[in-house]
Protein backbone atom coordinates (compact mmCIF):
# COMPACT_ATOMS: atom_id res chain seq x y z
CA UNK A 1 4.08 95.13 219.02
CA UNK A 2 7.76 95.92 218.49
CA UNK A 3 8.53 99.37 219.97
CA UNK A 4 9.71 102.05 217.58
CA UNK A 5 13.33 103.02 218.24
CA UNK A 6 14.11 106.68 218.78
CA UNK A 7 17.64 106.44 217.37
CA UNK A 8 18.49 105.04 213.95
CA UNK A 9 21.62 104.40 211.96
CA UNK A 10 19.94 106.05 208.97
CA UNK A 11 16.71 108.01 208.68
CA UNK A 12 15.31 108.71 205.21
CA UNK A 13 12.85 111.59 204.92
CA UNK A 14 10.58 110.91 201.97
CA UNK A 15 9.77 107.53 200.46
CA UNK A 16 9.54 108.15 196.73
CA UNK A 17 11.89 106.22 194.41
CA UNK A 18 14.92 108.10 195.76
CA UNK A 19 14.07 107.43 199.40
CA UNK A 20 13.24 103.80 198.77
CA UNK A 21 16.47 103.34 196.80
CA UNK A 22 18.39 104.83 199.74
CA UNK A 23 16.76 102.33 202.07
CA UNK A 24 17.69 99.54 199.65
CA UNK A 25 21.31 100.60 199.18
CA UNK A 26 22.13 100.89 202.89
CA UNK A 27 21.29 97.34 204.07
CA UNK A 28 22.72 95.94 200.84
CA UNK A 29 26.06 97.46 201.85
CA UNK A 30 25.67 96.59 205.54
CA UNK A 31 23.00 94.05 206.53
CA UNK A 32 21.34 94.75 209.84
CA UNK A 33 21.56 98.52 209.56
CA UNK A 34 18.66 100.22 211.38
CA UNK A 35 16.91 102.25 208.67
CA UNK A 36 13.77 104.35 209.12
CA UNK A 37 11.65 105.50 206.17
CA UNK A 38 9.58 108.53 207.15
CA UNK A 39 6.79 109.97 205.02
CA UNK A 40 3.68 112.02 205.64
CA UNK A 41 1.59 109.90 203.23
CA UNK A 42 0.59 106.28 203.02
CA UNK A 43 1.10 104.14 199.94
CA UNK A 44 -0.06 103.76 197.25
CA UNK A 45 0.13 107.43 196.30
CA UNK A 46 0.22 109.37 193.06
CA UNK A 47 2.59 111.94 191.55
CA UNK A 48 2.85 113.73 188.23
CA UNK A 49 5.27 111.59 186.24
CA UNK A 50 5.69 110.25 182.73
CA UNK A 51 5.61 106.72 184.21
CA UNK A 52 8.38 105.57 181.87
CA UNK A 53 10.93 103.41 183.66
CA UNK A 54 14.12 103.21 181.62
CA UNK A 55 16.07 99.93 181.58
CA UNK A 56 18.96 101.73 183.29
CA UNK A 57 16.76 102.05 186.39
CA UNK A 58 16.30 98.29 186.51
CA UNK A 59 20.08 97.85 186.18
CA UNK A 60 20.58 100.04 189.24
CA UNK A 61 17.97 98.17 191.26
CA UNK A 62 19.57 94.83 190.42
CA UNK A 63 22.82 96.14 191.93
CA UNK A 64 21.07 96.28 195.33
CA UNK A 65 19.36 92.92 194.96
CA UNK A 66 16.00 93.95 193.50
CA UNK A 67 15.06 92.10 190.32
CA UNK A 68 11.83 91.42 188.46
CA UNK A 69 10.14 94.44 190.02
CA UNK A 70 8.21 95.45 186.87
CA UNK A 71 8.42 92.31 184.74
CA UNK A 72 4.62 92.22 184.56
CA UNK A 73 4.49 95.59 182.79
CA UNK A 74 4.48 95.73 178.99
CA UNK A 75 7.83 96.69 177.41
CA UNK A 76 7.79 99.67 175.04
CA UNK A 77 10.67 100.03 172.59
CA UNK A 78 9.34 102.67 170.18
CA UNK A 79 10.14 106.31 170.84
CA UNK A 80 8.61 109.02 168.64
CA UNK A 81 9.97 112.52 169.32
CA UNK A 82 8.66 115.24 167.03
CA UNK A 83 8.32 118.96 166.50
CA UNK A 84 5.66 119.92 163.98
CA UNK A 85 6.30 118.09 160.71
CA UNK A 86 9.66 116.78 161.95
CA UNK A 87 9.46 113.29 163.43
CA UNK A 88 12.20 110.83 164.36
CA UNK A 89 10.56 107.53 165.26
CA UNK A 90 12.92 104.66 166.01
CA UNK A 91 13.29 101.66 168.25
CA UNK A 92 15.34 102.15 171.37
CA UNK A 93 18.33 99.98 172.16
CA UNK A 94 16.43 98.45 175.10
CA UNK A 95 12.75 98.76 175.99
CA UNK A 96 11.35 100.91 178.75
CA UNK A 97 8.39 99.90 180.94
CA UNK A 98 5.27 101.94 181.53
CA UNK A 99 4.68 101.81 185.30
CA UNK A 100 2.23 104.20 187.04
CA UNK A 101 3.88 105.93 189.97
CA UNK A 102 1.29 104.51 192.37
CA UNK A 103 2.50 101.04 191.36
CA UNK A 104 6.22 101.78 191.17
CA UNK A 105 6.34 103.71 194.44
CA UNK A 106 4.49 101.02 196.38
CA UNK A 107 6.65 98.23 195.04
CA UNK A 108 9.86 100.07 195.85
CA UNK A 109 8.75 100.78 199.42
CA UNK A 110 7.70 97.15 199.84
CA UNK A 111 11.13 96.06 198.60
CA UNK A 112 12.84 98.42 201.06
CA UNK A 113 10.77 97.08 203.96
CA UNK A 114 11.54 93.53 202.86
CA UNK A 115 15.23 94.48 202.96
CA UNK A 116 14.85 95.53 206.61
CA UNK A 117 13.79 99.18 206.61
CA UNK A 118 11.03 100.34 208.94
CA UNK A 119 8.31 102.48 207.33
CA UNK A 120 6.88 105.18 209.61
CA UNK A 121 4.12 107.61 208.74
CA UNK A 122 5.32 110.98 209.93
CA UNK A 123 5.48 114.48 208.51
CA UNK A 124 8.91 115.84 209.38
CA UNK A 125 8.80 119.56 210.10
CA UNK A 126 12.07 120.29 211.89
CA UNK A 127 15.64 119.12 211.27
CA UNK A 128 18.48 120.03 213.61
CA UNK A 129 22.12 118.99 213.56
CA UNK A 130 24.10 118.18 216.69
CA UNK A 131 27.59 116.86 217.23
CA UNK A 132 26.81 113.17 217.00
CA UNK A 133 23.37 113.00 215.37
CA UNK A 134 20.66 114.70 213.35
CA UNK A 135 17.37 115.13 215.23
CA UNK A 136 13.98 115.21 213.55
CA UNK A 137 11.13 117.06 215.27
CA UNK A 138 13.01 116.85 218.55
CA UNK A 139 12.05 113.18 218.90
CA UNK A 140 13.81 110.97 216.36
CA UNK A 141 17.58 110.98 215.98
CA UNK A 142 19.82 109.32 213.42
CA UNK A 143 23.51 109.05 212.76
CA UNK A 144 22.79 110.06 209.15
CA UNK A 145 19.71 111.62 207.54
CA UNK A 146 18.94 111.56 203.83
CA UNK A 147 16.55 114.17 202.48
CA UNK A 148 14.46 112.57 199.76
CA UNK A 149 11.51 114.83 200.47
CA UNK A 150 11.01 116.44 197.11
CA UNK A 151 10.88 119.90 195.63
CA UNK A 152 10.02 121.60 198.93
CA UNK A 153 12.50 119.64 201.00
CA UNK A 154 12.56 120.31 204.75
CA UNK A 155 16.05 118.84 204.93
CA UNK A 156 17.37 121.17 202.22
CA UNK A 157 15.79 124.13 204.00
CA UNK A 158 17.53 123.10 207.24
CA UNK A 159 20.84 123.16 205.36
CA UNK A 160 20.01 126.69 204.17
CA UNK A 161 20.67 125.75 200.54
CA UNK A 162 19.16 127.85 197.76
CA UNK A 163 16.75 126.51 195.20
CA UNK A 164 17.36 126.56 191.47
CA UNK A 165 15.46 126.44 188.19
CA UNK A 166 12.12 124.67 188.29
CA UNK A 167 9.83 123.05 185.74
CA UNK A 168 6.16 122.22 186.10
CA UNK A 169 4.65 118.95 184.88
CA UNK A 170 0.93 118.11 184.61
CA UNK A 171 -0.17 114.55 183.95
CA UNK A 172 -3.34 112.52 183.50
CA UNK A 173 -4.44 109.09 182.30
CA UNK A 174 -6.42 108.70 179.07
CA UNK A 175 -7.57 105.77 176.91
CA UNK A 176 -4.77 104.82 174.51
CA UNK A 177 -5.22 106.35 171.05
CA UNK A 178 -4.68 103.91 168.20
CA UNK A 179 -2.14 106.15 166.47
CA UNK A 180 0.01 106.36 169.60
CA UNK A 181 -0.41 102.85 170.94
CA UNK A 182 2.75 100.91 171.76
CA UNK A 183 4.95 104.01 171.70
CA UNK A 184 6.33 106.80 173.80
CA UNK A 185 5.44 109.99 171.93
CA UNK A 186 7.04 113.37 172.66
CA UNK A 187 6.03 116.55 170.86
CA UNK A 188 8.27 119.55 171.46
CA UNK A 189 6.72 123.01 171.63
CA UNK A 190 7.71 125.63 169.10
CA UNK A 191 8.30 128.24 171.82
CA UNK A 192 8.99 128.52 175.57
CA UNK A 193 11.72 125.93 175.22
CA UNK A 194 12.50 123.48 176.62
CA UNK A 195 8.91 122.22 176.92
CA UNK A 196 6.94 119.36 175.42
CA UNK A 197 3.78 117.28 175.56
CA UNK A 198 3.93 113.52 175.87
CA UNK A 199 1.82 110.42 175.49
CA UNK A 200 3.38 107.24 176.89
CA UNK A 201 1.49 104.01 176.32
CA UNK A 202 1.22 101.95 179.53
CA UNK A 203 0.26 98.71 177.81
CA UNK A 204 -2.97 98.34 179.81
CA UNK A 205 -5.32 100.28 177.55
CA UNK A 206 -4.27 103.63 179.01
CA UNK A 207 -1.69 106.25 178.18
CA UNK A 208 0.11 108.62 180.50
CA UNK A 209 -0.41 112.04 178.90
CA UNK A 210 1.10 115.28 180.10
CA UNK A 211 2.90 118.53 179.52
CA UNK A 212 6.02 119.94 181.11
CA UNK A 213 7.95 123.15 180.78
CA UNK A 214 10.29 125.56 182.51
CA UNK A 215 8.79 127.97 185.02
CA UNK A 216 10.41 131.32 184.22
CA UNK A 217 11.06 133.87 186.95
CA UNK A 218 9.22 136.61 185.07
CA UNK A 219 6.33 134.40 184.00
CA UNK A 220 4.06 132.60 186.52
CA UNK A 221 3.47 128.86 186.25
CA UNK A 222 0.50 128.15 183.97
CA UNK A 223 -2.74 126.94 185.58
CA UNK A 224 -3.76 123.34 184.92
CA UNK A 225 -6.26 124.31 182.25
CA UNK A 226 -3.52 126.10 180.31
CA UNK A 227 -1.32 122.99 180.48
CA UNK A 228 -4.19 120.93 179.06
CA UNK A 229 -4.53 123.47 176.27
CA UNK A 230 -0.81 123.07 175.53
CA UNK A 231 -1.26 119.29 175.31
CA UNK A 232 -4.16 119.65 172.89
CA UNK A 233 -2.24 122.11 170.74
CA UNK A 234 0.70 119.73 170.44
CA UNK A 235 -1.12 116.35 170.51
CA UNK A 236 -4.69 116.98 169.28
CA UNK A 237 -7.24 114.78 171.02
CA UNK A 238 -4.73 113.47 173.55
CA UNK A 239 -6.65 114.70 176.61
CA UNK A 240 -10.03 113.24 175.58
CA UNK A 241 -11.41 111.02 178.32
CA UNK A 242 -8.58 111.96 180.66
CA UNK A 243 -8.78 111.71 184.44
CA UNK A 244 -6.59 111.89 187.53
CA UNK A 245 -4.84 115.07 186.39
CA UNK A 246 -2.12 116.11 188.83
CA UNK A 247 0.73 118.62 188.74
CA UNK A 248 4.15 118.72 190.33
CA UNK A 249 7.21 120.97 190.42
CA UNK A 250 10.50 119.52 189.20
CA UNK A 251 13.73 121.07 190.59
CA UNK A 252 16.20 120.93 187.70
CA UNK A 253 19.89 120.17 187.89
CA UNK A 254 22.53 122.72 186.99
CA UNK A 255 26.25 122.56 186.36
CA UNK A 256 26.89 124.32 189.69
CA UNK A 257 25.13 121.94 192.08
CA UNK A 258 27.30 120.17 194.62
CA UNK A 259 26.06 117.71 197.25
CA UNK A 260 26.42 118.86 200.87
CA UNK A 261 28.90 117.12 203.11
CA UNK A 262 28.32 115.94 206.66
CA UNK A 263 25.49 113.91 208.16
CA UNK A 264 22.49 115.24 206.18
CA UNK A 265 22.47 114.20 202.51
CA UNK A 266 20.15 115.22 199.67
CA UNK A 267 18.99 113.14 196.73
CA UNK A 268 17.25 113.91 193.41
CA UNK A 269 14.31 116.39 193.78
CA UNK A 270 15.52 117.59 197.18
CA UNK A 271 18.97 118.06 195.67
CA UNK A 272 17.66 119.67 192.48
CA UNK A 273 18.84 116.85 190.24
CA UNK A 274 16.08 116.37 187.64
CA UNK A 275 17.29 116.19 184.03
CA UNK A 276 16.60 119.70 182.62
CA UNK A 277 16.00 118.96 178.91
CA UNK A 278 13.63 116.04 179.54
CA UNK A 279 12.37 116.27 183.14
CA UNK A 280 13.43 112.66 183.69
CA UNK A 281 14.05 112.02 187.37
CA UNK A 282 13.54 108.34 188.17
CA UNK A 283 17.00 107.28 186.98
CA UNK A 284 18.77 109.92 189.06
CA UNK A 285 16.42 109.19 191.96
CA UNK A 286 17.42 105.54 192.09
CA UNK A 287 21.07 106.24 191.28
CA UNK A 288 21.54 108.97 193.88
CA UNK A 289 19.43 107.19 196.49
CA UNK A 290 21.30 103.93 196.14
CA UNK A 291 24.64 105.69 196.43
CA UNK A 292 23.48 107.75 199.41
CA UNK A 293 22.43 104.58 201.20
CA UNK A 294 25.67 102.81 200.49
CA UNK A 295 27.76 105.84 201.44
CA UNK A 296 25.89 106.08 204.77
CA UNK A 297 26.47 102.40 205.47
CA UNK A 298 30.17 102.63 204.60
CA UNK A 299 30.65 105.65 206.86
CA UNK A 300 28.97 103.90 209.76
CA UNK A 301 30.98 100.72 209.19
CA UNK A 302 34.25 102.59 209.78
CA UNK A 303 32.79 104.45 212.75
CA UNK A 304 32.61 107.85 211.02
CA UNK A 305 28.95 108.57 210.15
CA UNK A 306 29.86 112.26 209.93
CA UNK A 307 31.80 111.36 206.76
CA UNK A 308 28.73 110.02 204.97
CA UNK A 309 28.33 113.23 202.98
CA UNK A 310 31.96 113.19 201.86
CA UNK A 311 31.63 109.59 200.71
CA UNK A 312 28.40 110.39 198.89
CA UNK A 313 29.94 113.46 197.24
CA UNK A 314 32.90 111.36 196.08
CA UNK A 315 30.66 108.65 194.64
CA UNK A 316 28.41 111.10 192.83
CA UNK A 317 31.36 113.13 191.59
CA UNK A 318 32.53 110.16 189.58
CA UNK A 319 29.15 108.93 188.44
CA UNK A 320 26.45 111.60 188.56
CA UNK A 321 28.05 115.03 188.51
CA UNK A 322 29.34 115.04 184.90
CA UNK A 323 25.84 114.40 183.57
CA UNK A 324 24.26 117.61 184.97
CA UNK A 325 26.96 119.64 183.24
CA UNK A 326 26.08 118.12 179.90
CA UNK A 327 22.31 118.29 180.38
CA UNK A 328 22.51 121.89 181.61
CA UNK A 329 24.31 122.76 178.38
CA UNK A 330 21.73 120.81 176.38
CA UNK A 331 18.92 122.68 178.13
CA UNK A 332 20.48 126.04 177.28
CA UNK A 333 20.92 125.04 173.65
CA UNK A 334 17.34 123.73 173.50
CA UNK A 335 15.97 127.20 174.21
CA UNK A 336 16.33 127.76 170.50
CA UNK A 337 13.87 125.64 168.50
CA UNK A 338 16.54 125.17 165.84
CA UNK A 339 18.55 122.90 168.12
CA UNK A 340 15.77 120.35 168.91
CA UNK A 341 14.81 120.42 165.24
CA UNK A 342 18.40 119.70 164.22
CA UNK A 343 18.53 116.85 166.72
CA UNK A 344 15.35 115.39 165.27
CA UNK A 345 16.68 115.59 161.71
CA UNK A 346 19.93 113.95 162.71
CA UNK A 347 18.13 111.24 164.73
CA UNK A 348 15.84 110.45 161.80
CA UNK A 349 18.90 110.03 159.59
CA UNK A 350 21.18 108.10 161.95
CA UNK A 351 20.32 105.50 164.59
CA UNK A 352 23.57 106.27 166.41
CA UNK A 353 22.60 109.90 166.97
CA UNK A 354 19.16 108.77 168.14
CA UNK A 355 20.65 106.29 170.63
CA UNK A 356 23.14 108.82 172.00
CA UNK A 357 20.46 111.47 172.52
CA UNK A 358 18.22 108.94 174.28
CA UNK A 359 21.06 108.08 176.65
CA UNK A 360 21.66 111.75 177.41
CA UNK A 361 17.96 112.35 178.09
CA UNK A 362 17.15 109.26 180.12
CA UNK A 363 20.17 108.22 182.12
CA UNK A 364 23.74 109.38 182.53
CA UNK A 365 24.80 109.53 178.89
CA UNK A 366 27.28 112.12 177.72
CA UNK A 367 27.79 114.00 174.47
CA UNK A 368 29.57 111.94 171.82
CA UNK A 369 31.26 112.97 168.56
CA UNK A 370 28.39 111.38 166.65
CA UNK A 371 25.83 113.29 168.69
CA UNK A 372 27.62 116.59 168.15
CA UNK A 373 28.32 116.15 164.44
CA UNK A 374 24.88 114.88 163.47
CA UNK A 375 22.84 117.89 164.71
CA UNK A 376 25.60 120.26 163.55
CA UNK A 377 25.25 118.93 160.02
CA UNK A 378 21.47 119.28 160.27
CA UNK A 379 21.81 122.87 161.51
CA UNK A 380 24.04 124.09 158.68
CA UNK A 381 22.73 121.96 155.81
CA UNK A 382 19.75 124.24 154.96
CA UNK A 383 22.13 127.18 154.45
CA UNK A 384 24.59 125.40 152.16
CA UNK A 385 24.35 125.02 148.38
CA UNK A 386 24.79 121.30 148.85
CA UNK A 387 24.20 119.09 151.87
CA UNK A 388 27.01 116.68 151.02
CA UNK A 389 28.93 116.78 154.25
CA UNK A 390 31.21 114.13 155.71
CA UNK A 391 29.41 111.26 157.32
CA UNK A 392 29.77 110.97 161.11
CA UNK A 393 32.36 108.45 162.29
């Protein structure tokens, strides 16, 4: 048996998609890097998730040499967002894949191990910084540590960083209903915005069904039974025959979040980087993880691992930071039901608006003139004597 080293070039705490992507990005940038993946649980494991893997995620994985990871999963290119009688069903520019988190997580960890990472089962409880290393539980040291350990991150707590807004998602698996087969269905609530129920067809006879919404400071998180009631109210019959119901907190991004500098880095849930209007986190998990891994490798290559955080902050400033500003604004606007309704009307009328809103909700898209003008027209049209307004460019 090969002995386990006590010092690593990079230690990743948490092996969800963000942690695995970190362990993929580092050796891709510098082959031979000693990378440890530490997690308290074995794989496969479950987590509350919509199980929709956007094509942008696969683009990011291909950048670090991982291709064909979910080619065996059925593509889904129909998206049906709605709010009451308003529905905007269209085909997406590229299909998503329905991949249960147990499957996706295991495959990503396997890919990271194949790339050279060492997977260790360990629950990290203590993180301490020293001059030339970060030490975990007084036993394992690393030149750089990446916290990918979720909503209740031990690494974030060690950095004494505050939390932020949180959403709660509850998910189960149910037999696919004929009327929702082959589609990703989202039904927005008419109050407590932003919140919605979903039913995402997995292509294997099952659908991932769930409900997610903001947890307000003055209102406790709803119990699981209340979440199931919300699903039934929005998507009648959607919970029938459901099983494997699980819940999970989602730390949401804000316009004020900045990544820490130094040797410890934070990615996605640990960093509070989940998309606030939609709860989408897999894209930012893979994007931030990959960049954290590559930044760590680059810092080590020039002999300055203490600069890993600065390199990561620079990379995310150009790629990831603008998106939270836009999604935070979208989340604030979505607190009024009129705004999602206007977006649905505009999306039903114009494929370009639909595509732009999908990009904003699923990856790193930004507001466009078409996106802004379309919902604006839909907002004011009911109050005008005529709805003949200029067409969007």
